[in-house]
Amino acid sequence: MKKTAILLPFLVLTTFFALQDCHKNEENSNTFTQNNVNTNTITIMPLGDSRVEGATSNSVSYRYDLWKDLVSNEWDIDYVGTQNDNTSYPLLLGKSFDPDHEGIGGFKSEDVLENIEEVMDDAGTPDVVLLGIGGNDLVRGIPVEEIIDNINQTIDILQNSNANITIFLERIAPGRSNVMTPDGITAYNSYLEQLATIALEQTNEASKIILVDMSTNWTDDYMADNLHYNELGAKEIADRYFEAIVENLEK
């Protein structure tokens, strides 16, 4: 059952984290392994909450703009997930938008953890995950330590399913600045800080956890409402993801 999307209103945080280098296959950095079959197509799972889902009356997802960035630059990618975006999008270079994803409104880190194995059973294990989660946890007052534990367990499951998986982990963008609370500021800042620990501790020689900074230089101009991206914001998220992918993956 789809839950109502609720995200934490956040404060713009100006700390910048450098993107980390992603693992490249030692024998052939241009080849990924999916279900034990070599292929040049990179399977990507956009995973998270309503900001990933988008495609509602007040919410736009980054997925379409990122797909355009990748296709325009000759990346061979396949979005995967159990969810389907039924919005009509313009063709690009004669290609139809890939509507698959795993963004569900209202999802918390616990929901992602509880569902990820079933999702991979249905959609397959991806080469790459774009993980944007945590806002709904924070707005519900779930302790940051519990959110971090849920994300660590999710990463464990993903790495156990694909030892070479690359996970791009969002330092999630804030919401509109006029709806902040002091407690919200404290929790948000603590969450972003601890994401760096996840990336450091969960990265290994085969699987990289790469932080993508969505919080720095974020403005209210990117928001459709207090919580969700407008078209400008969705493109900003997409461009930051694209920059990270280009820097850390091989076509």
Protein backbone atom coordinates (compact mmCIF):
# COMPACT_ATOMS: atom_id res chain seq x y z
CA MET A 1 0.00 0.00 0.00
CA LYS A 2 1.43 3.40 -0.95
CA LYS A 3 1.90 5.73 1.99
CA THR A 4 1.34 9.49 2.10
CA ALA A 5 4.57 11.33 1.41
CA ILE A 6 5.86 13.39 4.32
CA LEU A 7 9.39 14.83 4.23
CA LEU A 8 11.36 16.82 6.76
CA PRO A 9 11.67 20.55 6.12
CA PHE A 10 15.40 21.07 6.07
CA LEU A 11 17.93 23.86 6.51
CA VAL A 12 20.34 24.57 3.69
CA LEU A 13 23.66 23.10 4.78
CA THR A 14 26.81 24.53 3.24
CA THR A 15 29.29 21.74 3.96
CA PHE A 16 30.63 20.13 0.80
CA PHE A 17 31.74 16.50 0.58
CA ALA A 18 33.95 15.47 -2.32
CA LEU A 19 32.65 12.62 -4.44
CA GLN A 20 34.54 9.38 -4.01
CA ASP A 21 36.07 7.15 -6.68
CA CYS A 22 33.95 4.20 -7.73
CA HIS A 23 35.21 0.66 -8.27
CA LYS A 24 36.09 -0.23 -11.84
CA ASN A 25 36.11 -3.80 -12.97
CA GLU A 26 39.74 -4.96 -12.93
CA GLU A 27 39.53 -6.96 -16.15
CA ASN A 28 37.22 -4.70 -18.13
CA SER A 29 36.06 -1.44 -16.59
CA ASN A 30 33.41 -1.03 -19.30
CA THR A 31 31.63 -4.28 -18.49
CA PHE A 32 29.16 -4.84 -15.66
CA THR A 33 27.88 -8.20 -14.52
CA GLN A 34 24.12 -8.60 -14.16
CA ASN A 35 22.77 -11.98 -13.08
CA ASN A 36 26.15 -13.52 -14.02
CA VAL A 37 25.88 -12.27 -17.61
CA ASN A 38 28.36 -9.73 -18.99
CA THR A 39 26.66 -6.72 -20.55
CA ASN A 40 27.55 -3.14 -21.43
CA THR A 41 24.14 -1.97 -20.19
CA ILE A 42 24.33 -0.49 -16.70
CA THR A 43 21.24 -1.26 -14.63
CA ILE A 44 20.33 1.59 -12.28
CA MET A 45 17.76 1.48 -9.49
CA PRO A 46 16.47 4.89 -8.31
CA LEU A 47 15.53 4.01 -4.71
CA GLY A 48 13.82 6.05 -2.02
CA ASP A 49 10.74 8.09 -1.20
CA SER A 50 8.46 10.62 -2.92
CA ARG A 51 11.35 12.71 -4.19
CA VAL A 52 12.46 9.70 -6.20
CA GLU A 53 8.91 8.81 -7.17
CA GLY A 54 7.77 12.27 -8.30
CA ALA A 55 5.22 12.34 -11.10
CA THR A 56 2.41 13.68 -8.91
CA SER A 57 0.52 16.95 -8.98
CA ASN A 58 3.06 18.74 -6.78
CA SER A 59 6.22 16.65 -7.15
CA VAL A 60 8.76 16.27 -9.93
CA SER A 61 11.39 13.53 -9.90
CA TYR A 62 14.96 13.86 -11.12
CA ARG A 63 14.69 10.56 -13.02
CA TYR A 64 13.66 11.98 -16.40
CA ASP A 65 16.30 14.72 -16.45
CA LEU A 66 19.00 12.25 -15.42
CA TRP A 67 17.86 9.83 -18.13
CA LYS A 68 18.14 12.66 -20.67
CA ASP A 69 21.65 13.52 -19.45
CA LEU A 70 22.75 9.91 -19.76
CA VAL A 71 21.12 9.13 -23.11
CA SER A 72 22.36 12.39 -24.66
CA ASN A 73 25.89 11.46 -23.66
CA GLU A 74 25.64 7.91 -25.06
CA TRP A 75 25.37 6.03 -21.79
CA ASP A 76 23.74 2.61 -22.15
CA ILE A 77 21.55 2.41 -19.05
CA ASP A 78 18.43 0.61 -17.91
CA TYR A 79 16.38 1.88 -14.98
CA VAL A 80 15.02 -1.00 -12.89
CA GLY A 81 12.45 -1.30 -10.12
CA THR A 82 8.95 -2.55 -9.39
CA GLN A 83 7.32 0.88 -9.74
CA ASN A 84 6.27 2.38 -13.06
CA ASP A 85 5.98 6.05 -14.00
CA ASN A 86 2.96 6.39 -16.28
CA THR A 87 3.59 10.07 -17.07
CA SER A 88 3.96 10.88 -20.77
CA TYR A 89 7.42 12.25 -21.56
CA PRO A 90 8.82 13.52 -24.88
CA LEU A 91 11.02 11.21 -26.92
CA LEU A 92 14.75 11.83 -26.88
CA LEU A 93 16.85 10.80 -29.89
CA GLY A 94 13.97 8.55 -30.87
CA LYS A 95 13.97 6.79 -27.50
CA SER A 96 11.13 6.53 -24.99
CA PHE A 97 11.75 7.35 -21.34
CA ASP A 98 12.50 4.34 -19.13
CA PRO A 99 9.74 4.52 -16.46
CA ASP A 100 10.99 1.87 -13.99
CA HIS A 101 12.03 2.96 -10.50
CA GLU A 102 11.71 2.17 -6.80
CA GLY A 103 10.57 5.45 -5.26
CA ILE A 104 7.51 5.23 -3.01
CA GLY A 105 5.89 8.22 -1.32
CA GLY A 106 6.08 8.19 2.47
CA PHE A 107 8.76 5.51 2.62
CA LYS A 108 11.18 5.59 5.54
CA SER A 109 14.56 3.90 5.77
CA GLU A 110 12.89 0.99 7.56
CA ASP A 111 10.48 0.50 4.65
CA VAL A 112 13.33 0.39 2.15
CA LEU A 113 15.14 -2.16 4.32
CA GLU A 114 12.08 -4.36 4.73
CA ASN A 115 11.28 -4.37 1.00
CA ILE A 116 14.66 -4.42 -0.74
CA GLU A 117 15.04 -8.21 -0.98
CA GLU A 118 11.57 -8.64 -2.46
CA VAL A 119 12.25 -5.77 -4.85
CA MET A 120 15.40 -7.45 -6.13
CA ASP A 121 13.57 -10.77 -6.44
CA ASP A 122 11.09 -9.05 -8.75
CA ALA A 123 13.28 -6.53 -10.58
CA GLY A 124 16.73 -8.10 -10.41
CA THR A 125 19.88 -6.95 -8.66
CA PRO A 126 21.11 -3.65 -10.11
CA ASP A 127 24.64 -2.58 -10.95
CA VAL A 128 24.00 0.85 -9.48
CA VAL A 129 21.63 2.22 -6.82
CA LEU A 130 20.70 5.89 -6.41
CA LEU A 131 19.57 6.03 -2.77
CA GLY A 132 17.68 9.05 -1.50
CA ILE A 133 16.04 8.39 1.87
CA GLY A 134 15.81 9.65 5.45
CA GLY A 135 13.55 12.69 5.36
CA ASN A 136 10.40 10.88 6.44
CA ASP A 137 12.29 9.26 9.31
CA LEU A 138 13.45 12.60 10.60
CA VAL A 139 10.07 14.29 10.43
CA ARG A 140 8.62 11.44 12.47
CA GLY A 141 11.28 11.88 15.13
CA ILE A 142 13.04 8.57 14.46
CA PRO A 143 16.52 8.74 16.02
CA VAL A 144 19.33 9.37 13.57
CA GLU A 145 21.17 6.29 14.85
CA GLU A 146 18.23 4.11 13.85
CA ILE A 147 18.10 5.62 10.36
CA ILE A 148 21.80 5.03 9.91
CA ASP A 149 21.44 1.43 11.07
CA ASN A 150 18.63 0.83 8.57
CA ILE A 151 20.71 2.23 5.73
CA ASN A 152 23.73 0.15 6.75
CA GLN A 153 21.60 -3.00 6.75
CA THR A 154 20.15 -2.10 3.34
CA ILE A 155 23.65 -1.65 1.95
CA ASP A 156 24.67 -5.01 3.42
CA ILE A 157 21.82 -6.70 1.56
CA LEU A 158 22.65 -4.94 -1.70
CA GLN A 159 26.33 -5.85 -1.44
CA ASN A 160 25.53 -9.45 -0.55
CA SER A 161 23.39 -9.64 -3.70
CA ASN A 162 25.99 -7.95 -5.91
CA ALA A 163 29.53 -7.75 -4.52
CA ASN A 164 30.45 -5.15 -7.17
CA ILE A 165 27.48 -2.84 -6.68
CA THR A 166 27.98 0.93 -6.70
CA ILE A 167 25.68 2.93 -4.44
CA PHE A 168 25.29 6.69 -4.82
CA LEU A 169 24.04 7.92 -1.44
CA GLU A 170 22.32 11.30 -1.30
CA ARG A 171 23.14 13.92 1.25
CA ILE A 172 19.49 14.80 0.87
CA ALA A 173 18.44 18.28 -0.19
CA PRO A 174 16.70 20.51 2.34
CA GLY A 175 13.14 21.73 2.13
CA ARG A 176 12.07 25.35 2.14
CA SER A 177 13.96 27.39 4.69
CA ASN A 178 10.89 29.12 6.19
CA VAL A 179 9.52 25.96 7.80
CA MET A 180 12.53 24.99 9.88
CA THR A 181 12.51 24.13 13.56
CA PRO A 182 15.57 24.06 15.82
CA ASP A 183 15.13 20.33 16.43
CA GLY A 184 14.79 19.75 12.71
CA ILE A 185 18.04 21.58 12.04
CA THR A 186 19.90 19.52 14.61
CA ALA A 187 18.58 16.18 13.36
CA TYR A 188 19.20 17.04 9.70
CA ASN A 189 22.76 18.16 10.29
CA SER A 190 23.51 15.08 12.38
CA TYR A 191 22.08 12.82 9.68
CA LEU A 192 24.22 14.35 6.94
CA GLU A 193 27.34 14.04 9.06
CA GLN A 194 26.74 10.35 9.76
CA LEU A 195 26.19 9.55 6.10
CA ALA A 196 29.90 10.23 5.63
CA THR A 197 30.65 7.47 8.12
CA ILE A 198 28.47 5.04 6.16
CA ALA A 199 30.35 5.82 2.95
CA LEU A 200 33.71 5.35 4.64
CA GLU A 201 32.90 2.17 6.52
CA GLN A 202 30.80 0.40 3.85
CA THR A 203 33.09 1.06 0.90
CA ASN A 204 35.38 -1.83 0.03
CA GLU A 205 37.65 -2.83 -2.86
CA ALA A 206 34.76 -4.13 -4.96
CA SER A 207 31.80 -1.97 -3.91
CA LYS A 208 31.86 1.78 -3.49
CA ILE A 209 29.43 3.98 -1.54
CA ILE A 210 29.62 7.45 -3.06
CA LEU A 211 28.15 10.51 -1.39
CA VAL A 212 26.32 12.89 -3.70
CA ASP A 213 25.90 16.32 -2.14
CA MET A 214 22.37 17.60 -2.74
CA SER A 215 22.39 19.98 0.23
CA THR A 216 25.09 22.54 -0.61
CA ASN A 217 23.95 25.62 -2.54
CA TRP A 218 20.33 24.47 -2.44
CA THR A 219 17.78 27.28 -2.59
CA ASP A 220 14.04 27.74 -2.15
CA ASP A 221 13.88 28.42 -5.90
CA TYR A 222 14.24 24.66 -6.41
CA MET A 223 11.07 23.81 -4.47
CA ALA A 224 7.53 23.24 -5.76
CA ASP A 225 6.26 23.37 -2.18
CA ASN A 226 7.82 23.05 1.27
CA LEU A 227 8.97 19.52 0.55
CA HIS A 228 9.25 18.59 -3.13
CA TYR A 229 11.24 19.62 -6.19
CA ASN A 230 9.93 21.78 -8.96
CA GLU A 231 11.27 21.28 -12.50
CA LEU A 232 14.32 23.43 -11.77
CA GLY A 233 15.05 21.47 -8.60
CA ALA A 234 14.60 18.11 -10.30
CA LYS A 235 17.09 19.14 -12.99
CA GLU A 236 19.56 20.27 -10.34
CA ILE A 237 19.36 16.88 -8.61
CA ALA A 238 19.72 15.11 -11.96
CA ASP A 239 22.76 17.16 -12.93
CA ARG A 240 24.48 16.43 -9.61
CA TYR A 241 23.83 12.72 -10.05
CA PHE A 242 25.08 12.86 -13.64
CA GLU A 243 28.29 14.57 -12.57
CA ALA A 244 28.84 11.87 -9.94
CA ILE A 245 28.15 9.06 -12.42
CA VAL A 246 30.50 10.49 -15.04
CA GLU A 247 33.24 10.95 -12.45
CA ASN A 248 32.91 7.50 -10.91
CA LEU A 249 31.65 5.05 -13.54
CA GLU A 250 32.81 3.93 -16.98
CA LYS A 251 30.40 3.76 -19.91
